Amino acid sequence: MNELVRKNENILEKNVTVELYYKLNFDGDRTCGYTKIFQDRQENYDSEEPYEIYMELYECGLSEEEATERFNKVVEEVKSGKIDVGS
């Protein structure tokens, strides 16, 4: 069983990347992971860190499926415009 869930999805039409990072079977902190949305800055990848637009923290105790469902929900909210990423 994986102990770490990581996913990335580029949403080209919005010029962003959505990232999931979640630690399974871990309860030492209040939060065990997050989904972040980064603005893609293709012309500046060498000189700047990607700009973080949004972050959603996840409590410990989620299964891999639950963490992935929350990630997918954020991806769909970006695509539908519910989360405004400025594009």
N, C-alpha and C. Protein backbone atom coordinates (compact mmCIF):
# COMPACT_ATOMS: atom_id res chain seq x y z
N MET A 1 0.84 -1.20 0.00
CA MET A 1 0.00 0.00 0.00
C MET A 1 0.88 1.25 0.00
N ASN A 2 0.55 2.18 -0.86
CA ASN A 2 1.27 3.44 -0.91
C ASN A 2 1.06 4.22 0.38
N GLU A 3 2.09 4.89 0.83
CA GLU A 3 1.99 5.74 2.00
C GLU A 3 1.83 7.21 1.62
N LEU A 4 2.06 7.51 0.34
CA LEU A 4 2.01 8.88 -0.14
C LEU A 4 1.22 8.92 -1.44
N VAL A 5 0.27 9.82 -1.50
CA VAL A 5 -0.52 10.00 -2.72
C VAL A 5 -0.09 11.33 -3.34
N ARG A 6 0.34 11.28 -4.59
CA ARG A 6 0.73 12.49 -5.32
C ARG A 6 0.11 12.45 -6.70
N LYS A 7 -0.48 13.55 -7.09
CA LYS A 7 -1.07 13.66 -8.42
C LYS A 7 -0.87 15.10 -8.89
N ASN A 8 -0.74 15.25 -10.18
CA ASN A 8 -0.68 16.57 -10.82
C ASN A 8 -1.57 16.54 -12.04
N GLU A 9 -2.27 17.62 -12.26
CA GLU A 9 -3.05 17.76 -13.49
C GLU A 9 -2.87 19.16 -14.03
N ASN A 10 -2.40 19.24 -15.27
CA ASN A 10 -2.27 20.53 -15.95
C ASN A 10 -3.60 20.83 -16.63
N ILE A 11 -4.09 22.03 -16.40
CA ILE A 11 -5.31 22.48 -17.06
C ILE A 11 -4.89 23.60 -18.01
N LEU A 12 -4.61 23.20 -19.23
CA LEU A 12 -4.02 24.12 -20.20
C LEU A 12 -4.90 25.32 -20.50
N GLU A 13 -6.22 25.10 -20.60
CA GLU A 13 -7.10 26.21 -20.95
C GLU A 13 -7.17 27.28 -19.86
N LYS A 14 -6.80 26.93 -18.62
CA LYS A 14 -6.76 27.89 -17.52
C LYS A 14 -5.34 28.29 -17.15
N ASN A 15 -4.35 27.66 -17.78
CA ASN A 15 -2.94 27.95 -17.53
C ASN A 15 -2.54 27.71 -16.08
N VAL A 16 -3.02 26.58 -15.51
CA VAL A 16 -2.69 26.23 -14.13
C VAL A 16 -2.36 24.74 -14.03
N THR A 17 -1.71 24.40 -12.92
CA THR A 17 -1.46 23.02 -12.54
C THR A 17 -2.06 22.80 -11.16
N VAL A 18 -2.78 21.70 -11.01
CA VAL A 18 -3.37 21.32 -9.72
C VAL A 18 -2.55 20.16 -9.18
N GLU A 19 -2.12 20.26 -7.92
CA GLU A 19 -1.25 19.27 -7.31
C GLU A 19 -1.88 18.71 -6.04
N LEU A 20 -1.85 17.39 -5.90
CA LEU A 20 -2.29 16.70 -4.69
C LEU A 20 -1.08 16.10 -4.00
N TYR A 21 -1.00 16.30 -2.69
CA TYR A 21 0.02 15.66 -1.86
C TYR A 21 -0.68 15.24 -0.58
N TYR A 22 -0.65 13.93 -0.28
CA TYR A 22 -1.35 13.45 0.91
C TYR A 22 -0.62 12.25 1.51
N LYS A 23 -0.39 12.29 2.82
CA LYS A 23 0.26 11.20 3.55
C LYS A 23 -0.81 10.29 4.14
N LEU A 24 -0.80 9.03 3.72
CA LEU A 24 -1.75 8.04 4.24
C LEU A 24 -1.23 7.45 5.55
N ASN A 25 -2.15 6.99 6.38
CA ASN A 25 -1.81 6.29 7.62
C ASN A 25 -0.87 7.10 8.51
N PHE A 26 -1.13 8.38 8.60
CA PHE A 26 -0.30 9.28 9.39
C PHE A 26 -1.23 10.15 10.21
N ASP A 27 -0.93 10.31 11.49
CA ASP A 27 -1.80 11.15 12.32
C ASP A 27 -1.02 12.02 13.29
N GLY A 28 0.21 12.34 12.95
CA GLY A 28 1.05 13.14 13.83
C GLY A 28 0.80 14.63 13.74
N ASP A 29 0.05 15.06 12.76
CA ASP A 29 -0.22 16.49 12.56
C ASP A 29 -1.72 16.71 12.45
N ARG A 30 -2.10 17.97 12.46
CA ARG A 30 -3.51 18.30 12.23
C ARG A 30 -3.91 18.09 10.78
N THR A 31 -2.97 18.32 9.90
CA THR A 31 -3.24 18.10 8.48
C THR A 31 -2.24 17.10 7.92
N CYS A 32 -2.68 16.34 6.94
CA CYS A 32 -1.82 15.32 6.34
C CYS A 32 -1.62 15.53 4.84
N GLY A 33 -2.16 16.60 4.31
CA GLY A 33 -1.98 16.83 2.89
C GLY A 33 -2.71 18.06 2.41
N TYR A 34 -2.64 18.23 1.09
CA TYR A 34 -3.23 19.42 0.49
C TYR A 34 -3.44 19.22 -1.01
N THR A 35 -4.26 20.09 -1.55
CA THR A 35 -4.32 20.32 -2.99
C THR A 35 -3.97 21.78 -3.19
N LYS A 36 -3.05 22.03 -4.11
CA LYS A 36 -2.64 23.40 -4.44
C LYS A 36 -2.88 23.64 -5.92
N ILE A 37 -3.17 24.89 -6.24
CA ILE A 37 -3.28 25.32 -7.63
C ILE A 37 -2.17 26.33 -7.87
N PHE A 38 -1.37 26.05 -8.91
CA PHE A 38 -0.27 26.92 -9.29
C PHE A 38 -0.53 27.51 -10.66
N GLN A 39 -0.21 28.79 -10.81
CA GLN A 39 -0.23 29.43 -12.12
C GLN A 39 0.96 28.95 -12.90
N ASP A 40 0.75 28.47 -14.12
CA ASP A 40 1.86 28.05 -14.97
C ASP A 40 2.53 29.29 -15.53
N ARG A 41 3.84 29.34 -15.39
CA ARG A 41 4.62 30.45 -15.94
C ARG A 41 5.72 29.85 -16.79
N GLN A 42 5.33 29.35 -17.94
CA GLN A 42 6.25 28.61 -18.79
C GLN A 42 7.46 29.43 -19.20
N GLU A 43 7.27 30.71 -19.39
CA GLU A 43 8.39 31.53 -19.84
C GLU A 43 9.39 31.80 -18.71
N ASN A 44 9.00 31.58 -17.46
CA ASN A 44 9.88 31.91 -16.32
C ASN A 44 10.24 30.71 -15.46
N TYR A 45 10.11 29.49 -15.95
CA TYR A 45 10.37 28.32 -15.11
C TYR A 45 11.77 28.31 -14.51
N ASP A 46 12.76 28.82 -15.24
CA ASP A 46 14.12 28.79 -14.72
C ASP A 46 14.37 29.85 -13.66
N SER A 47 13.63 30.94 -13.70
CA SER A 47 13.94 32.05 -12.81
C SER A 47 12.97 32.23 -11.64
N GLU A 48 11.79 31.66 -11.69
CA GLU A 48 10.81 31.88 -10.64
C GLU A 48 10.12 30.59 -10.24
N GLU A 49 9.71 30.52 -8.98
CA GLU A 49 8.86 29.44 -8.53
C GLU A 49 7.46 29.67 -9.09
N PRO A 50 6.72 28.60 -9.38
CA PRO A 50 5.34 28.79 -9.82
C PRO A 50 4.52 29.52 -8.74
N TYR A 51 3.65 30.39 -9.17
CA TYR A 51 2.84 31.21 -8.27
C TYR A 51 1.65 30.40 -7.75
N GLU A 52 1.54 30.27 -6.43
CA GLU A 52 0.44 29.53 -5.81
C GLU A 52 -0.81 30.41 -5.75
N ILE A 53 -1.92 29.91 -6.32
CA ILE A 53 -3.17 30.65 -6.37
C ILE A 53 -4.12 30.24 -5.25
N TYR A 54 -4.13 28.95 -4.91
CA TYR A 54 -5.14 28.41 -4.01
C TYR A 54 -4.56 27.18 -3.32
N MET A 55 -4.98 26.97 -2.05
CA MET A 55 -4.55 25.78 -1.33
C MET A 55 -5.69 25.31 -0.44
N GLU A 56 -5.93 24.01 -0.46
CA GLU A 56 -6.95 23.39 0.37
C GLU A 56 -6.26 22.31 1.21
N LEU A 57 -6.32 22.43 2.54
CA LEU A 57 -5.69 21.47 3.44
C LEU A 57 -6.63 20.33 3.75
N TYR A 58 -6.06 19.12 3.94
CA TYR A 58 -6.85 17.92 4.23
C TYR A 58 -6.44 17.34 5.57
N GLU A 59 -7.44 17.01 6.36
CA GLU A 59 -7.21 16.41 7.66
C GLU A 59 -6.67 14.99 7.51
N CYS A 60 -6.07 14.49 8.57
CA CYS A 60 -5.56 13.12 8.57
C CYS A 60 -6.71 12.13 8.61
N GLY A 61 -6.42 10.91 8.19
CA GLY A 61 -7.41 9.85 8.27
C GLY A 61 -8.17 9.56 7.00
N LEU A 62 -7.88 10.30 5.92
CA LEU A 62 -8.56 10.03 4.66
C LEU A 62 -7.94 8.81 3.99
N SER A 63 -8.75 8.11 3.22
CA SER A 63 -8.23 7.02 2.38
C SER A 63 -7.67 7.63 1.09
N GLU A 64 -6.98 6.82 0.33
CA GLU A 64 -6.46 7.29 -0.96
C GLU A 64 -7.61 7.72 -1.86
N GLU A 65 -8.70 6.98 -1.84
CA GLU A 65 -9.86 7.32 -2.67
C GLU A 65 -10.48 8.64 -2.24
N GLU A 66 -10.59 8.88 -0.94
CA GLU A 66 -11.17 10.14 -0.46
C GLU A 66 -10.29 11.33 -0.83
N ALA A 67 -8.97 11.19 -0.68
CA ALA A 67 -8.06 12.28 -1.05
C ALA A 67 -8.15 12.56 -2.55
N THR A 68 -8.20 11.49 -3.34
CA THR A 68 -8.30 11.64 -4.80
C THR A 68 -9.62 12.28 -5.19
N GLU A 69 -10.72 11.92 -4.52
CA GLU A 69 -12.02 12.55 -4.80
C GLU A 69 -11.97 14.04 -4.54
N ARG A 70 -11.35 14.46 -3.45
CA ARG A 70 -11.24 15.89 -3.13
C ARG A 70 -10.40 16.62 -4.18
N PHE A 71 -9.30 15.99 -4.61
CA PHE A 71 -8.46 16.54 -5.67
C PHE A 71 -9.27 16.71 -6.95
N ASN A 72 -10.00 15.65 -7.33
CA ASN A 72 -10.81 15.71 -8.55
C ASN A 72 -11.87 16.79 -8.47
N LYS A 73 -12.42 17.01 -7.28
CA LYS A 73 -13.43 18.06 -7.10
C LYS A 73 -12.81 19.44 -7.37
N VAL A 74 -11.60 19.66 -6.85
CA VAL A 74 -10.92 20.93 -7.09
C VAL A 74 -10.64 21.10 -8.58
N VAL A 75 -10.17 20.05 -9.25
CA VAL A 75 -9.91 20.11 -10.69
C VAL A 75 -11.19 20.51 -11.43
N GLU A 76 -12.31 19.88 -11.11
CA GLU A 76 -13.58 20.20 -11.77
C GLU A 76 -14.03 21.62 -11.47
N GLU A 77 -13.80 22.10 -10.24
CA GLU A 77 -14.18 23.47 -9.89
C GLU A 77 -13.33 24.49 -10.65
N VAL A 78 -12.09 24.18 -10.91
CA VAL A 78 -11.25 25.06 -11.72
C VAL A 78 -11.77 25.08 -13.15
N LYS A 79 -12.01 23.90 -13.71
CA LYS A 79 -12.48 23.80 -15.10
C LYS A 79 -13.81 24.50 -15.30
N SER A 80 -14.71 24.41 -14.31
CA SER A 80 -16.04 25.01 -14.44
C SER A 80 -16.05 26.51 -14.13
N GLY A 81 -14.97 27.02 -13.54
CA GLY A 81 -14.91 28.43 -13.19
C GLY A 81 -15.36 28.73 -11.77
N LYS A 82 -15.77 27.71 -11.03
CA LYS A 82 -16.20 27.92 -9.65
C LYS A 82 -15.04 28.44 -8.79
N ILE A 83 -13.83 27.93 -9.05
CA ILE A 83 -12.63 28.50 -8.44
C ILE A 83 -12.00 29.38 -9.51
N ASP A 84 -11.94 30.67 -9.24
CA ASP A 84 -11.42 31.64 -10.19
C ASP A 84 -9.89 31.65 -10.12
N VAL A 85 -9.26 31.32 -11.23
CA VAL A 85 -7.80 31.29 -11.29
C VAL A 85 -7.25 32.45 -12.13
N GLY A 86 -8.12 33.38 -12.49
CA GLY A 86 -7.69 34.56 -13.20
C GLY A 86 -7.46 34.42 -14.68
N SER A 87 -7.94 33.34 -15.28
CA SER A 87 -7.77 33.18 -16.74
C SER A 87 -9.06 33.45 -17.47
